[in-house]
């Protein structure tokens, strides 16, 4: 389960076997800790459990539960099924046990088969979730092909949370490889860095595609974790890429999955130090340097 959580809640066999063993994978499927949703593709059972909860309450799957149902990778799986219920309805508290009820109307055009549509799901997440989680959902929606940039550009929102929705839709980019990269990009954007995912950089001896690139500052930022490498050969290639970038005058920052997902204070500190000293950063930091936060 932990391996699949690192992949955003859904992944193929090859990606999973880079994180765990065949024996553990077979045991997890046998014990129904994970589900085989198609040949060679696996998912956490959160979406299936959420469908049961939504049916019981005569509600509609929404937010991260809807995103999981659509097969998108998430930063975090919802701890309880997220179900939209019309605010005019009354549901006894005991019936809502174990369900995060969202009292909000969902029109007929915004739901299909008891689940919010892909576009409504992205907009709801952008309105109600933290920026990094919402961006991971929007990136996953684009990466999956369920939505296009034109779909997002056509959205018109107003009312509470409208600014947050516009921010997520403007930043969404399907080139992000996984939620790990999406969350790191969100932290960079919050720090004022204008970064592009998987952008091509010509080093003279070849072209590379760092996870994030800030061209004006010749900065490459890598979502770096052994967990996402198939083996030592791939790790060696990454080291060659990092060294070439530095030798060609680029700065390289590397952050692990644990830091990006669970130690964001450290990541924010490091990015803040960078923007404080970098004249090309979009946002100036007036605060003095602070002590280095603890990081594993």
C-alpha atoms as a PDB file:
ATOM      1  CA  UNK A   1       0.000   0.000   0.000  1.00  0.00           C
ATOM      2  CA  UNK A   2       2.810   2.416   0.848  1.00  0.00           C
ATOM      3  CA  UNK A   3       4.374   1.925  -2.584  1.00  0.00           C
ATOM      4  CA  UNK A   4       1.087   2.720  -4.299  1.00  0.00           C
ATOM      5  CA  UNK A   5       0.549   5.765  -2.087  1.00  0.00           C
ATOM      6  CA  UNK A   6       3.910   7.109  -3.251  1.00  0.00           C
ATOM      7  CA  UNK A   7       2.717   6.758  -6.827  1.00  0.00           C
ATOM      8  CA  UNK A   8      -0.391   8.796  -6.103  1.00  0.00           C
ATOM      9  CA  UNK A   9      -2.778   5.919  -5.454  1.00  0.00           C
ATOM     10  CA  UNK A  10      -2.623   4.340  -8.896  1.00  0.00           C
ATOM     11  CA  UNK A  11       0.211   2.862 -10.932  1.00  0.00           C
ATOM     12  CA  UNK A  12       1.362   0.161 -13.292  1.00  0.00           C
ATOM     13  CA  UNK A  13       3.171  -3.046 -12.436  1.00  0.00           C
ATOM     14  CA  UNK A  14       6.597  -1.806 -13.536  1.00  0.00           C
ATOM     15  CA  UNK A  15       6.414   1.297 -11.357  1.00  0.00           C
ATOM     16  CA  UNK A  16       5.242  -0.719  -8.366  1.00  0.00           C
ATOM     17  CA  UNK A  17       8.001  -3.312  -8.721  1.00  0.00           C
ATOM     18  CA  UNK A  18      10.542  -0.489  -8.571  1.00  0.00           C
ATOM     19  CA  UNK A  19       9.243   0.131  -5.041  1.00  0.00           C
ATOM     20  CA  UNK A  20       8.303  -3.313  -3.739  1.00  0.00           C
ATOM     21  CA  UNK A  21       8.605  -7.035  -4.459  1.00  0.00           C
ATOM     22  CA  UNK A  22       6.445  -9.319  -6.598  1.00  0.00           C
ATOM     23  CA  UNK A  23       5.573 -11.340  -3.500  1.00  0.00           C
ATOM     24  CA  UNK A  24       4.294  -8.296  -1.613  1.00  0.00           C
ATOM     25  CA  UNK A  25       2.355  -7.115  -4.657  1.00  0.00           C
ATOM     26  CA  UNK A  26       0.617 -10.485  -5.022  1.00  0.00           C
ATOM     27  CA  UNK A  27      -0.183 -10.557  -1.293  1.00  0.00           C
ATOM     28  CA  UNK A  28      -1.636  -7.027  -1.365  1.00  0.00           C
ATOM     29  CA  UNK A  29      -3.922  -7.958  -4.261  1.00  0.00           C
ATOM     30  CA  UNK A  30      -4.942 -11.238  -2.596  1.00  0.00           C
ATOM     31  CA  UNK A  31      -5.803  -9.459   0.667  1.00  0.00           C
ATOM     32  CA  UNK A  32      -7.609  -6.681  -1.273  1.00  0.00           C
ATOM     33  CA  UNK A  33      -5.362  -3.968   0.126  1.00  0.00           C
ATOM     34  CA  UNK A  34      -4.970  -2.881  -3.497  1.00  0.00           C
ATOM     35  CA  UNK A  35      -7.118  -3.592  -6.544  1.00  0.00           C
ATOM     36  CA  UNK A  36      -6.157  -4.704 -10.033  1.00  0.00           C
ATOM     37  CA  UNK A  37      -8.204  -2.233 -12.113  1.00  0.00           C
ATOM     38  CA  UNK A  38      -6.948  -3.459 -15.487  1.00  0.00           C
ATOM     39  CA  UNK A  39      -4.177  -5.632 -16.850  1.00  0.00           C
ATOM     40  CA  UNK A  40      -0.919  -4.527 -15.233  1.00  0.00           C
ATOM     41  CA  UNK A  41      -2.526  -1.534 -13.477  1.00  0.00           C
ATOM     42  CA  UNK A  42      -3.349  -1.252  -9.787  1.00  0.00           C
ATOM     43  CA  UNK A  43      -5.121   1.195  -7.476  1.00  0.00           C
ATOM     44  CA  UNK A  44      -5.869   1.713  -3.825  1.00  0.00           C
ATOM     45  CA  UNK A  45      -9.441   0.706  -2.914  1.00  0.00           C
ATOM     46  CA  UNK A  46     -10.389   4.225  -1.787  1.00  0.00           C
ATOM     47  CA  UNK A  47     -12.415   4.961  -4.935  1.00  0.00           C
ATOM     48  CA  UNK A  48     -14.391   1.712  -4.660  1.00  0.00           C
ATOM     49  CA  UNK A  49     -15.080   2.294  -0.963  1.00  0.00           C
ATOM     50  CA  UNK A  50     -16.189   5.844  -1.717  1.00  0.00           C
ATOM     51  CA  UNK A  51     -18.715   4.645  -4.309  1.00  0.00           C
ATOM     52  CA  UNK A  52     -20.351   2.480  -1.655  1.00  0.00           C
ATOM     53  CA  UNK A  53     -20.551   5.441   0.746  1.00  0.00           C
ATOM     54  CA  UNK A  54     -21.972   7.766  -1.920  1.00  0.00           C
ATOM     55  CA  UNK A  55     -24.644   5.244  -2.857  1.00  0.00           C
ATOM     56  CA  UNK A  56     -25.608   4.757   0.788  1.00  0.00           C
ATOM     57  CA  UNK A  57     -26.156   8.519   1.223  1.00  0.00           C
ATOM     58  CA  UNK A  58     -27.663   9.021  -2.235  1.00  0.00           C
ATOM     59  CA  UNK A  59     -24.900  11.549  -2.846  1.00  0.00           C
ATOM     60  CA  UNK A  60     -22.257  12.242  -5.464  1.00  0.00           C
ATOM     61  CA  UNK A  61     -18.556  11.415  -5.278  1.00  0.00           C
ATOM     62  CA  UNK A  62     -16.556  14.648  -5.254  1.00  0.00           C
ATOM     63  CA  UNK A  63     -13.113  16.131  -4.695  1.00  0.00           C
ATOM     64  CA  UNK A  64     -10.290  13.595  -4.182  1.00  0.00           C
ATOM     65  CA  UNK A  65     -12.685  10.632  -4.117  1.00  0.00           C
ATOM     66  CA  UNK A  66     -13.956  11.655  -7.557  1.00  0.00           C
ATOM     67  CA  UNK A  67     -10.389  12.190  -8.779  1.00  0.00           C
ATOM     68  CA  UNK A  68      -9.444   8.686  -7.591  1.00  0.00           C
ATOM     69  CA  UNK A  69     -12.512   7.298  -9.363  1.00  0.00           C
ATOM     70  CA  UNK A  70     -11.349   8.985 -12.578  1.00  0.00           C
ATOM     71  CA  UNK A  71      -8.034   7.159 -12.213  1.00  0.00           C
ATOM     72  CA  UNK A  72      -5.890  10.205 -11.431  1.00  0.00           C
ATOM     73  CA  UNK A  73      -2.822  10.233  -9.216  1.00  0.00           C
ATOM     74  CA  UNK A  74      -3.171  12.296  -6.024  1.00  0.00           C
ATOM     75  CA  UNK A  75      -0.829  13.871  -3.532  1.00  0.00           C
ATOM     76  CA  UNK A  76      -2.745  12.155  -0.730  1.00  0.00           C
ATOM     77  CA  UNK A  77      -5.688   9.796  -0.658  1.00  0.00           C
ATOM     78  CA  UNK A  78      -8.699  11.142   1.263  1.00  0.00           C
ATOM     79  CA  UNK A  79      -8.863   9.614   4.763  1.00  0.00           C
ATOM     80  CA  UNK A  80     -12.630   9.228   4.313  1.00  0.00           C
ATOM     81  CA  UNK A  81     -14.861   9.127   1.229  1.00  0.00           C
ATOM     82  CA  UNK A  82     -15.713  12.657   0.067  1.00  0.00           C
ATOM     83  CA  UNK A  83     -19.368  12.864  -0.927  1.00  0.00           C
ATOM     84  CA  UNK A  84     -21.360  15.878  -2.113  1.00  0.00           C
ATOM     85  CA  UNK A  85     -24.888  16.163  -0.711  1.00  0.00           C
ATOM     86  CA  UNK A  86     -27.481  18.812  -1.524  1.00  0.00           C
ATOM     87  CA  UNK A  87     -27.507  21.381   1.332  1.00  0.00           C
ATOM     88  CA  UNK A  88     -31.307  21.183   1.485  1.00  0.00           C
ATOM     89  CA  UNK A  89     -31.215  17.539   2.544  1.00  0.00           C
ATOM     90  CA  UNK A  90     -31.048  16.317   6.112  1.00  0.00           C
ATOM     91  CA  UNK A  91     -29.042  13.195   6.895  1.00  0.00           C
ATOM     92  CA  UNK A  92     -28.821  11.793  10.408  1.00  0.00           C
ATOM     93  CA  UNK A  93     -25.368  12.068  11.933  1.00  0.00           C
ATOM     94  CA  UNK A  94     -25.043   8.322  12.459  1.00  0.00           C
ATOM     95  CA  UNK A  95     -25.522   7.746   8.718  1.00  0.00           C
ATOM     96  CA  UNK A  96     -22.659  10.145   8.008  1.00  0.00           C
ATOM     97  CA  UNK A  97     -20.167   8.268  10.172  1.00  0.00           C
ATOM     98  CA  UNK A  98     -16.972   7.544   8.248  1.00  0.00           C
ATOM     99  CA  UNK A  99     -17.890   9.907   5.406  1.00  0.00           C
ATOM    100  CA  UNK A 100     -16.750  13.477   4.798  1.00  0.00           C
ATOM    101  CA  UNK A 101     -19.984  15.046   3.612  1.00  0.00           C
ATOM    102  CA  UNK A 102     -19.644  18.183   1.511  1.00  0.00           C
ATOM    103  CA  UNK A 103     -22.900  20.121   1.605  1.00  0.00           C
ATOM    104  CA  UNK A 104     -22.946  21.551  -1.893  1.00  0.00           C
ATOM    105  CA  UNK A 105     -25.287  21.359  -4.882  1.00  0.00           C
ATOM    106  CA  UNK A 106     -24.183  19.387  -7.930  1.00  0.00           C
ATOM    107  CA  UNK A 107     -26.209  19.975 -11.085  1.00  0.00           C
ATOM    108  CA  UNK A 108     -27.144  17.260 -13.547  1.00  0.00           C
ATOM    109  CA  UNK A 109     -24.525  18.552 -16.000  1.00  0.00           C
ATOM    110  CA  UNK A 110     -21.798  18.341 -13.357  1.00  0.00           C
ATOM    111  CA  UNK A 111     -22.145  14.648 -12.531  1.00  0.00           C
ATOM    112  CA  UNK A 112     -22.088  11.368 -14.414  1.00  0.00           C
ATOM    113  CA  UNK A 113     -23.083   8.041 -12.845  1.00  0.00           C
ATOM    114  CA  UNK A 114     -22.894   9.478  -9.343  1.00  0.00           C
ATOM    115  CA  UNK A 115     -19.469  11.106  -9.748  1.00  0.00           C
ATOM    116  CA  UNK A 116     -18.610  14.729 -10.474  1.00  0.00           C
ATOM    117  CA  UNK A 117     -17.395  15.171 -14.038  1.00  0.00           C
ATOM    118  CA  UNK A 118     -13.665  15.590 -14.626  1.00  0.00           C
ATOM    119  CA  UNK A 119     -13.985  19.359 -15.085  1.00  0.00           C
ATOM    120  CA  UNK A 120     -16.194  19.845 -12.022  1.00  0.00           C
ATOM    121  CA  UNK A 121     -13.813  17.641 -10.011  1.00  0.00           C
ATOM    122  CA  UNK A 122     -10.808  19.790 -10.926  1.00  0.00           C
ATOM    123  CA  UNK A 123     -12.678  23.022 -10.187  1.00  0.00           C
ATOM    124  CA  UNK A 124     -13.948  21.760  -6.823  1.00  0.00           C
ATOM    125  CA  UNK A 125     -10.460  20.626  -5.812  1.00  0.00           C
ATOM    126  CA  UNK A 126      -8.993  23.966  -6.884  1.00  0.00           C
ATOM    127  CA  UNK A 127     -11.595  25.824  -4.838  1.00  0.00           C
ATOM    128  CA  UNK A 128     -11.433  23.743  -1.662  1.00  0.00           C
ATOM    129  CA  UNK A 129      -8.041  22.021  -1.380  1.00  0.00           C
ATOM    130  CA  UNK A 130      -4.596  23.492  -0.643  1.00  0.00           C
ATOM    131  CA  UNK A 131      -2.785  24.741  -3.736  1.00  0.00           C
ATOM    132  CA  UNK A 132      -0.290  21.874  -3.919  1.00  0.00           C
ATOM    133  CA  UNK A 133      -2.972  19.164  -3.664  1.00  0.00           C
ATOM    134  CA  UNK A 134      -5.231  20.911  -6.159  1.00  0.00           C
ATOM    135  CA  UNK A 135      -2.398  21.394  -8.646  1.00  0.00           C
ATOM    136  CA  UNK A 136      -1.525  17.687  -8.432  1.00  0.00           C
ATOM    137  CA  UNK A 137      -5.148  16.842  -9.290  1.00  0.00           C
ATOM    138  CA  UNK A 138      -5.283  19.276 -12.214  1.00  0.00           C
ATOM    139  CA  UNK A 139      -1.943  18.060 -13.593  1.00  0.00           C
ATOM    140  CA  UNK A 140      -3.130  14.456 -13.339  1.00  0.00           C
ATOM    141  CA  UNK A 141      -6.354  15.290 -15.165  1.00  0.00           C
ATOM    142  CA  UNK A 142      -4.386  16.797 -18.045  1.00  0.00           C
ATOM    143  CA  UNK A 143      -1.826  13.994 -18.051  1.00  0.00           C
ATOM    144  CA  UNK A 144      -4.582  11.376 -18.251  1.00  0.00           C
ATOM    145  CA  UNK A 145      -6.200  13.050 -21.253  1.00  0.00           C
ATOM    146  CA  UNK A 146      -9.509  13.481 -19.428  1.00  0.00           C
ATOM    147  CA  UNK A 147      -9.208  17.258 -19.883  1.00  0.00           C
ATOM    148  CA  UNK A 148      -7.300  19.642 -22.127  1.00  0.00           C
ATOM    149  CA  UNK A 149      -5.889  23.115 -21.579  1.00  0.00           C
ATOM    150  CA  UNK A 150      -8.752  24.458 -23.682  1.00  0.00           C
ATOM    151  CA  UNK A 151     -11.208  22.852 -21.257  1.00  0.00           C
ATOM    152  CA  UNK A 152      -9.555  24.645 -18.350  1.00  0.00           C
ATOM    153  CA  UNK A 153      -9.245  27.938 -20.226  1.00  0.00           C
ATOM    154  CA  UNK A 154     -12.991  27.937 -20.843  1.00  0.00           C
ATOM    155  CA  UNK A 155     -13.881  27.814 -17.144  1.00  0.00           C
ATOM    156  CA  UNK A 156     -15.504  30.926 -15.703  1.00  0.00           C
ATOM    157  CA  UNK A 157     -15.784  31.030 -11.919  1.00  0.00           C
ATOM    158  CA  UNK A 158     -17.004  33.523  -9.377  1.00  0.00           C
ATOM    159  CA  UNK A 159     -17.737  33.702  -5.693  1.00  0.00           C
ATOM    160  CA  UNK A 160     -15.741  32.315  -2.782  1.00  0.00           C
ATOM    161  CA  UNK A 161     -12.551  30.595  -3.879  1.00  0.00           C
ATOM    162  CA  UNK A 162     -12.672  31.916  -7.447  1.00  0.00           C
ATOM    163  CA  UNK A 163      -9.138  33.329  -7.232  1.00  0.00           C
ATOM    164  CA  UNK A 164      -7.820  29.970  -6.028  1.00  0.00           C
ATOM    165  CA  UNK A 165      -9.530  28.206  -8.945  1.00  0.00           C
ATOM    166  CA  UNK A 166      -8.057  30.594 -11.495  1.00  0.00           C
ATOM    167  CA  UNK A 167      -4.606  30.148  -9.967  1.00  0.00           C
ATOM    168  CA  UNK A 168      -4.714  26.360 -10.228  1.00  0.00           C
ATOM    169  CA  UNK A 169      -6.160  26.302 -13.748  1.00  0.00           C
ATOM    170  CA  UNK A 170      -3.532  28.762 -14.992  1.00  0.00           C
ATOM    171  CA  UNK A 171      -0.679  26.725 -13.483  1.00  0.00           C
ATOM    172  CA  UNK A 172      -1.908  23.233 -14.466  1.00  0.00           C
ATOM    173  CA  UNK A 173       0.458  21.353 -16.753  1.00  0.00           C
ATOM    174  CA  UNK A 174       0.144  17.754 -17.875  1.00  0.00           C
ATOM    175  CA  UNK A 175       3.878  17.436 -18.459  1.00  0.00           C
ATOM    176  CA  UNK A 176       4.421  16.873 -14.733  1.00  0.00           C
ATOM    177  CA  UNK A 177       5.285  13.195 -14.425  1.00  0.00           C
ATOM    178  CA  UNK A 178       3.594  12.529 -11.073  1.00  0.00           C
ATOM    179  CA  UNK A 179       2.144  14.215  -7.955  1.00  0.00           C
ATOM    180  CA  UNK A 180       5.659  14.425  -6.463  1.00  0.00           C
ATOM    181  CA  UNK A 181       6.682  16.809  -9.249  1.00  0.00           C
ATOM    182  CA  UNK A 182       3.371  18.685  -9.117  1.00  0.00           C
ATOM    183  CA  UNK A 183       3.674  19.386  -5.391  1.00  0.00           C
ATOM    184  CA  UNK A 184       7.289  20.518  -5.788  1.00  0.00           C
ATOM    185  CA  UNK A 185       6.225  22.860  -8.593  1.00  0.00           C
ATOM    186  CA  UNK A 186       3.483  24.291  -6.387  1.00  0.00           C
ATOM    187  CA  UNK A 187       6.052  25.076  -3.697  1.00  0.00           C
ATOM    188  CA  UNK A 188       8.284  26.727  -6.301  1.00  0.00           C
ATOM    189  CA  UNK A 189       5.420  28.847  -7.612  1.00  0.00           C
ATOM    190  CA  UNK A 190       4.532  29.881  -4.072  1.00  0.00           C
ATOM    191  CA  UNK A 191       8.163  30.952  -3.610  1.00  0.00           C
ATOM    192  CA  UNK A 192       7.927  33.152  -6.708  1.00  0.00           C
ATOM    193  CA  UNK A 193       9.936  30.958  -9.075  1.00  0.00           C
ATOM    194  CA  UNK A 194       8.705  30.787 -12.669  1.00  0.00           C
ATOM    195  CA  UNK A 195       9.330  27.106 -13.336  1.00  0.00           C
ATOM    196  CA  UNK A 196       8.412  24.858 -16.259  1.00  0.00           C
ATOM    197  CA  UNK A 197       8.021  21.068 -15.891  1.00  0.00           C
ATOM    198  CA  UNK A 198      10.102  18.688 -18.008  1.00  0.00           C
ATOM    199  CA  UNK A 199      11.461  21.533 -20.157  1.00  0.00           C
ATOM    200  CA  UNK A 200      14.181  20.694 -22.660  1.00  0.00           C
ATOM    201  CA  UNK A 201      17.654  22.101 -21.959  1.00  0.00           C
ATOM    202  CA  UNK A 202      20.367  21.954 -24.628  1.00  0.00           C
ATOM    203  CA  UNK A 203      23.742  21.390 -22.953  1.00  0.00           C
ATOM    204  CA  UNK A 204      25.737  21.290 -26.174  1.00  0.00           C
ATOM    205  CA  UNK A 205      26.572  17.610 -25.714  1.00  0.00           C
ATOM    206  CA  UNK A 206      22.922  16.624 -25.636  1.00  0.00           C
ATOM    207  CA  UNK A 207      19.459  17.620 -24.492  1.00  0.00           C
ATOM    208  CA  UNK A 208      18.131  16.894 -21.022  1.00  0.00           C
ATOM    209  CA  UNK A 209      14.749  17.347 -19.382  1.00  0.00           C
ATOM    210  CA  UNK A 210      15.049  18.330 -15.703  1.00  0.00           C
ATOM    211  CA  UNK A 211      11.904  17.954 -13.632  1.00  0.00           C
ATOM    212  CA  UNK A 212      11.594  21.739 -13.267  1.00  0.00           C
ATOM    213  CA  UNK A 213      13.407  24.506 -15.110  1.00  0.00           C
ATOM    214  CA  UNK A 214      13.647  28.239 -14.394  1.00  0.00           C
ATOM    215  CA  UNK A 215      15.317  29.458 -17.577  1.00  0.00           C
ATOM    216  CA  UNK A 216      15.901  33.069 -16.568  1.00  0.00           C
ATOM    217  CA  UNK A 217      17.959  31.953 -13.578  1.00  0.00           C
ATOM    218  CA  UNK A 218      19.512  28.886 -15.255  1.00  0.00           C
ATOM    219  CA  UNK A 219      18.088  26.803 -12.447  1.00  0.00           C
ATOM    220  CA  UNK A 220      17.130  23.124 -12.559  1.00  0.00           C
ATOM    221  CA  UNK A 221      15.118  21.613  -9.707  1.00  0.00           C
ATOM    222  CA  UNK A 222      14.865  17.848  -9.410  1.00  0.00           C
ATOM    223  CA  UNK A 223      12.244  15.753  -7.645  1.00  0.00           C
ATOM    224  CA  UNK A 224      14.905  13.283  -6.655  1.00  0.00           C
ATOM    225  CA  UNK A 225      14.183   9.976  -4.984  1.00  0.00           C
ATOM    226  CA  UNK A 226      15.663   6.520  -5.408  1.00  0.00           C
ATOM    227  CA  UNK A 227      12.084   5.251  -5.186  1.00  0.00           C
ATOM    228  CA  UNK A 228      11.341   6.561  -8.659  1.00  0.00           C
ATOM    229  CA  UNK A 229      14.409   4.986 -10.288  1.00  0.00           C
ATOM    230  CA  UNK A 230      14.163   1.606 -11.933  1.00  0.00           C
ATOM    231  CA  UNK A 231      17.741   0.711 -11.044  1.00  0.00           C
ATOM    232  CA  UNK A 232      21.335   1.778 -10.695  1.00  0.00           C
ATOM    233  CA  UNK A 233      21.731   2.437 -14.419  1.00  0.00           C
ATOM    234  CA  UNK A 234      18.996   5.067 -14.351  1.00  0.00           C
ATOM    235  CA  UNK A 235      20.497   6.566 -11.201  1.00  0.00           C
ATOM    236  CA  UNK A 236      23.888   6.866 -12.924  1.00  0.00           C
ATOM    237  CA  UNK A 237      22.251   8.650 -15.867  1.00  0.00           C
ATOM    238  CA  UNK A 238      20.722  11.138 -13.458  1.00  0.00           C
ATOM    239  CA  UNK A 239      24.101  11.830 -11.853  1.00  0.00           C
ATOM    240  CA  UNK A 240      25.610  12.467 -15.295  1.00  0.00           C
ATOM    241  CA  UNK A 241      22.761  14.877 -16.063  1.00  0.00           C
ATOM    242  CA  UNK A 242      23.211  16.759 -12.792  1.00  0.00           C
ATOM    243  CA  UNK A 243      26.948  17.110 -13.348  1.00  0.00           C
ATOM    244  CA  UNK A 244      26.529  18.316 -16.935  1.00  0.00           C
ATOM    245  CA  UNK A 245      24.035  20.949 -15.851  1.00  0.00           C
ATOM    246  CA  UNK A 246      26.462  22.300 -13.233  1.00  0.00           C
ATOM    247  CA  UNK A 247      29.403  22.230 -15.655  1.00  0.00           C
ATOM    248  CA  UNK A 248      27.358  24.250 -18.170  1.00  0.00           C
ATOM    249  CA  UNK A 249      26.627  26.953 -15.624  1.00  0.00           C
ATOM    250  CA  UNK A 250      23.289  25.750 -14.273  1.00  0.00           C
ATOM    251  CA  UNK A 251      22.428  25.525 -10.607  1.00  0.00           C
ATOM    252  CA  UNK A 252      20.755  22.307  -9.491  1.00  0.00           C
ATOM    253  CA  UNK A 253      18.547  21.834  -6.443  1.00  0.00           C
ATOM    254  CA  UNK A 254      17.426  18.343  -5.460  1.00  0.00           C
ATOM    255  CA  UNK A 255      14.591  17.481  -3.097  1.00  0.00           C
ATOM    256  CA  UNK A 256      13.480  14.048  -1.932  1.00  0.00           C
ATOM    257  CA  UNK A 257       9.918  12.731  -1.858  1.00  0.00           C
ATOM    258  CA  UNK A 258       9.915  12.820   1.949  1.00  0.00           C
ATOM    259  CA  UNK A 259      10.976  16.474   1.970  1.00  0.00           C
ATOM    260  CA  UNK A 260       8.434  17.583  -0.622  1.00  0.00           C
ATOM    261  CA  UNK A 261       5.509  15.673   0.865  1.00  0.00           C
ATOM    262  CA  UNK A 262       6.252  15.765   4.610  1.00  0.00           C
ATOM    263  CA  UNK A 263       8.963  18.370   5.285  1.00  0.00           C
ATOM    264  CA  UNK A 264       7.716  21.331   3.321  1.00  0.00           C
ATOM    265  CA  UNK A 265       9.117  23.817   5.836  1.00  0.00           C
ATOM    266  CA  UNK A 266      12.597  22.800   4.712  1.00  0.00           C
ATOM    267  CA  UNK A 267      11.721  23.050   1.008  1.00  0.00           C
ATOM    268  CA  UNK A 268      10.168  26.488   1.523  1.00  0.00           C
ATOM    269  CA  UNK A 269      13.231  27.586   3.472  1.00  0.00           C
ATOM    270  CA  UNK A 270      15.608  26.463   0.706  1.00  0.00           C
ATOM    271  CA  UNK A 271      13.551  28.097  -2.034  1.00  0.00           C
ATOM    272  CA  UNK A 272      13.227  31.245   0.067  1.00  0.00           C
ATOM    273  CA  UNK A 273      17.015  31.424   0.441  1.00  0.00           C
ATOM    274  CA  UNK A 274      17.307  31.146  -3.326  1.00  0.00           C
ATOM    275  CA  UNK A 275      14.800  33.887  -4.145  1.00  0.00           C
ATOM    276  CA  UNK A 276      16.291  36.155  -1.470  1.00  0.00           C
ATOM    277  CA  UNK A 277      19.699  36.103  -3.157  1.00  0.00           C
ATOM    278  CA  UNK A 278      18.647  35.760  -6.808  1.00  0.00           C
ATOM    279  CA  UNK A 279      17.994  39.040  -8.679  1.00  0.00           C
ATOM    280  CA  UNK A 280      15.954  37.255 -11.358  1.00  0.00           C
ATOM    281  CA  UNK A 281      13.464  35.752  -8.886  1.00  0.00           C
ATOM    282  CA  UNK A 282       9.964  37.093  -9.411  1.00  0.00           C
ATOM    283  CA  UNK A 283       9.261  37.606  -5.717  1.00  0.00           C
ATOM    284  CA  UNK A 284      11.654  39.389  -3.393  1.00  0.00           C
ATOM    285  CA  UNK A 285      12.033  38.089   0.132  1.00  0.00           C
ATOM    286  CA  UNK A 286      12.615  40.798   2.740  1.00  0.00           C
ATOM    287  CA  UNK A 287      12.941  38.515   5.734  1.00  0.00           C
ATOM    288  CA  UNK A 288      16.464  37.693   6.963  1.00  0.00           C
ATOM    289  CA  UNK A 289      17.778  34.172   6.614  1.00  0.00           C
ATOM    290  CA  UNK A 290      16.522  31.809   9.265  1.00  0.00           C
ATOM    291  CA  UNK A 291      18.140  28.775  10.837  1.00  0.00           C
ATOM    292  CA  UNK A 292      18.015  25.689   8.674  1.00  0.00           C
ATOM    293  CA  UNK A 293      14.903  23.625   9.501  1.00  0.00           C
ATOM    294  CA  UNK A 294      15.522  20.021  10.427  1.00  0.00           C
ATOM    295  CA  UNK A 295      15.331  17.612   7.512  1.00  0.00           C
ATOM    296  CA  UNK A 296      15.868  13.898   7.459  1.00  0.00           C
END
